[in-house]
Every structure is written in structure tokens, then in C-alpha cells.
Amino acid sequence: MKIFELSDRTDKLENAIEFFWKCWGNESNLNFYDDCIRNSLKKENTIPKFYIGIEYDEIVGSYAILTNDLISRQDLLPWFACLFVTESYRKKGYAEMLLKHGINEAKLKGFENLYLSTDLVNFYEKKCWTEFGKGYGFSGGEIKIYKNLTI
């Protein structure tokens, strides 16, 4: 799998918007993903940025580095978000490749920390992330915040 910042692969823009939306969206928020992703393409902006993993010219994975991941902790940034690997490509190390790429991208962009929010249990802990605290999602529920230890 090769990983690209979407602004470097605009030939995949429409496919990427659909990929992110199908992974994370719902029937009523395609415009949200379309607008977020299109406005991330400006080279002069450090973040937000969306990334795609390509295997055999097909998008099989994704992640994003965002200014906020729809969580109450507006004081923290950047956020690692939208990690997804297509089911048929799972258990091959692709998620870890995307995570490591994201950590490296955050470093290259000059950030000292990288955060994520999740309700997954024991996935990110195995990948050098540690629970940092708690916040609240836009729906009001409490959610765990993780910080990467390797930056």
C-alpha cells in the first residue's frame, strides 16, 4: 500500500470523498465530507489534511489529521481521525502503516503532540498511544482521548 496526502492525488478526489463518507458518514452528510475534504486541499494550510492508502490503484485505507475531531477539547490539536482499512485488507498491517504515517506527518508539520478520540478498547494502546483524558462528543457522550507517545 502506498499512502498519499489527497492534495497530491486530486485524481482520486471524488473516489476519496466517497470512501471517507461511506466509512464515516450517513445518508444525510455527504455535503459535510465533500466540503471538509475539498477545503483541505489548499497547500498553504498545514491542517486539515486527508490521506488515502492505495493498493492496485484502489483506495483501501484512510486517515486524516484535523484541527478538531468533533470533540469538546478545542484546546488540543492536531487530531488523528478517520482511520479505516477496507475489510478485505485488514490483518495485513495496513492500519499500523497508516498510523505510523500519520505520526510522521504530524512531526513533519511541526506538531509536538497528536491526539485521537475513540471508543475502541485495546486497539490504540497496542500502537503506542496512551489515554490522555476524557472529552465529550457532539452528541454529548463522554469519549476517551489518546495522545501519541512517539512524537
Protein backbone atom coordinates (compact mmCIF):
# COMPACT_ATOMS: atom_id res chain seq x y z
CA MET A 1 0.00 0.00 0.00
CA LYS A 2 1.20 3.50 -0.84
CA ILE A 3 -0.04 6.43 1.22
CA PHE A 4 -0.71 9.85 -0.26
CA GLU A 5 -1.86 13.21 1.00
CA LEU A 6 -5.02 13.73 -1.02
CA SER A 7 -3.85 17.15 -2.23
CA ASP A 8 -1.09 15.24 -4.07
CA ARG A 9 -3.57 12.84 -5.66
CA THR A 10 -6.50 15.00 -6.73
CA ASP A 11 -7.14 12.48 -9.49
CA LYS A 12 -8.61 10.38 -6.65
CA LEU A 13 -10.64 13.23 -5.12
CA GLU A 14 -14.14 12.02 -5.98
CA ASN A 15 -13.31 8.44 -5.00
CA ALA A 16 -11.75 9.64 -1.74
CA ILE A 17 -14.75 11.77 -0.79
CA GLU A 18 -17.00 8.77 -1.36
CA PHE A 19 -14.61 6.48 0.57
CA PHE A 20 -14.49 8.74 3.66
CA TRP A 21 -18.25 9.33 3.54
CA LYS A 22 -19.11 5.64 3.20
CA CYS A 23 -16.74 4.77 6.07
CA TRP A 24 -17.79 7.50 8.49
CA GLY A 25 -20.85 9.30 7.20
CA ASN A 26 -24.55 8.73 6.90
CA GLU A 27 -27.22 9.32 4.26
CA SER A 28 -27.59 13.00 5.21
CA ASN A 29 -23.99 14.26 5.48
CA LEU A 30 -22.26 13.72 2.14
CA ASN A 31 -22.03 17.52 1.76
CA PHE A 32 -20.17 17.72 5.09
CA TYR A 33 -17.46 15.32 3.89
CA ASP A 34 -17.32 16.85 0.44
CA ASP A 35 -16.84 20.36 1.86
CA CYS A 36 -14.29 19.28 4.51
CA ILE A 37 -12.16 17.36 2.05
CA ARG A 38 -12.27 19.89 -0.80
CA ASN A 39 -11.26 22.69 1.57
CA SER A 40 -8.35 20.64 2.90
CA LEU A 41 -6.61 20.63 -0.48
CA LYS A 42 -5.05 24.09 -0.09
CA LYS A 43 -1.29 23.53 0.02
CA GLU A 44 -0.71 26.60 2.21
CA ASN A 45 -2.71 25.07 5.09
CA THR A 46 -0.81 22.69 7.35
CA ILE A 47 -4.04 21.06 8.52
CA PRO A 48 -6.64 19.74 7.96
CA LYS A 49 -5.29 17.08 5.61
CA PHE A 50 -6.81 13.85 4.36
CA TYR A 51 -4.75 10.79 3.38
CA ILE A 52 -5.51 7.74 1.30
CA GLY A 53 -3.86 4.33 1.12
CA ILE A 54 -3.82 2.89 -2.38
CA GLU A 55 -3.26 -0.72 -3.41
CA TYR A 56 -3.65 -1.78 -7.06
CA ASP A 57 -4.99 1.73 -7.88
CA GLU A 58 -7.85 1.27 -5.37
CA ILE A 59 -8.35 3.25 -2.15
CA VAL A 60 -8.14 0.65 0.62
CA GLY A 61 -7.37 2.84 3.65
CA SER A 62 -7.61 6.33 5.01
CA TYR A 63 -6.90 8.73 7.81
CA ALA A 64 -6.97 12.47 8.43
CA ILE A 65 -5.10 15.00 10.52
CA LEU A 66 -7.66 17.56 11.67
CA THR A 67 -7.91 20.72 13.70
CA ASN A 68 -10.70 19.11 15.73
CA ASP A 69 -12.42 15.73 15.69
CA LEU A 70 -15.87 17.00 16.71
CA ILE A 71 -14.97 16.79 20.38
CA SER A 72 -15.22 19.27 23.24
CA ARG A 73 -11.45 19.62 23.68
CA GLN A 74 -11.00 22.53 21.27
CA ASP A 75 -7.73 23.38 23.07
CA LEU A 76 -5.97 20.28 21.69
CA LEU A 77 -4.66 19.78 18.17
CA PRO A 78 -3.99 18.18 15.80
CA TRP A 79 -6.27 15.18 15.82
CA PHE A 80 -5.67 11.86 14.12
CA ALA A 81 -9.04 10.77 12.73
CA CYS A 82 -10.88 8.68 10.15
CA LEU A 83 -8.58 5.66 10.31
CA PHE A 84 -10.16 2.97 8.18
CA VAL A 85 -8.96 -0.08 6.29
CA THR A 86 -11.24 -1.93 3.89
CA GLU A 87 -12.24 -5.25 5.41
CA SER A 88 -10.50 -7.42 2.80
CA TYR A 89 -7.19 -5.63 3.58
CA ARG A 90 -7.36 -5.94 7.35
CA LYS A 91 -4.92 -8.01 9.42
CA LYS A 92 -2.11 -7.17 6.98
CA GLY A 93 -0.53 -4.30 8.93
CA TYR A 94 -2.18 -1.54 6.89
CA ALA A 95 -3.76 0.17 9.91
CA GLU A 96 -0.36 0.33 11.58
CA MET A 97 1.19 1.70 8.38
CA LEU A 98 -1.44 4.45 8.28
CA LEU A 99 -0.93 5.24 11.97
CA LYS A 100 2.84 5.50 11.60
CA HIS A 101 2.45 7.64 8.50
CA GLY A 102 0.13 9.98 10.41
CA ILE A 103 2.57 10.31 13.30
CA ASN A 104 5.37 11.12 10.87
CA GLU A 105 3.22 13.65 9.02
CA ALA A 106 2.38 15.42 12.30
CA LYS A 107 6.11 15.61 13.10
CA LEU A 108 6.92 16.95 9.63
CA LYS A 109 4.24 19.59 10.04
CA GLY A 110 5.88 20.74 13.28
CA PHE A 111 3.43 19.40 15.84
CA GLU A 112 4.68 18.11 19.18
CA ASN A 113 1.57 16.07 20.01
CA LEU A 114 -1.09 14.14 18.15
CA TYR A 115 -4.45 13.26 19.70
CA LEU A 116 -7.33 11.00 18.87
CA SER A 117 -10.70 10.20 20.35
CA THR A 118 -12.20 6.74 20.26
CA ASP A 119 -14.50 4.27 21.88
CA LEU A 120 -12.34 1.33 20.76
CA VAL A 121 -10.81 -0.72 23.55
CA ASN A 122 -7.21 -2.04 23.41
CA PHE A 123 -6.52 -1.09 19.79
CA TYR A 124 -4.59 2.16 20.12
CA GLU A 125 -2.98 1.14 23.40
CA LYS A 126 -1.12 -1.55 21.45
CA LYS A 127 0.09 1.07 18.96
CA CYS A 128 1.99 3.47 21.30
CA TRP A 129 -0.98 5.62 22.28
CA THR A 130 -1.86 6.35 25.89
CA GLU A 131 -5.10 7.55 27.38
CA PHE A 132 -4.75 11.28 27.96
CA GLY A 133 -8.13 12.24 29.35
CA LYS A 134 -11.78 12.49 28.51
CA GLY A 135 -13.90 14.82 26.45
CA TYR A 136 -17.41 14.97 25.10
CA GLY A 137 -18.55 14.22 21.59
CA PHE A 138 -21.01 16.43 19.74
CA SER A 139 -23.81 14.04 20.75
CA GLY A 140 -23.00 14.69 24.44
CA GLY A 141 -21.45 11.35 25.33
CA GLU A 142 -18.13 11.03 27.12
CA ILE A 143 -15.26 9.80 24.96
CA LYS A 144 -11.65 8.79 25.68
CA ILE A 145 -8.84 10.95 24.35
CA TYR A 146 -5.48 9.41 23.48
CA LYS A 147 -2.12 11.03 22.92
CA ASN A 148 0.67 9.51 20.89
CA LEU A 149 3.84 8.77 22.85
CA THR A 150 6.23 8.60 19.93
CA ILE A 151 6.18 12.22 18.76
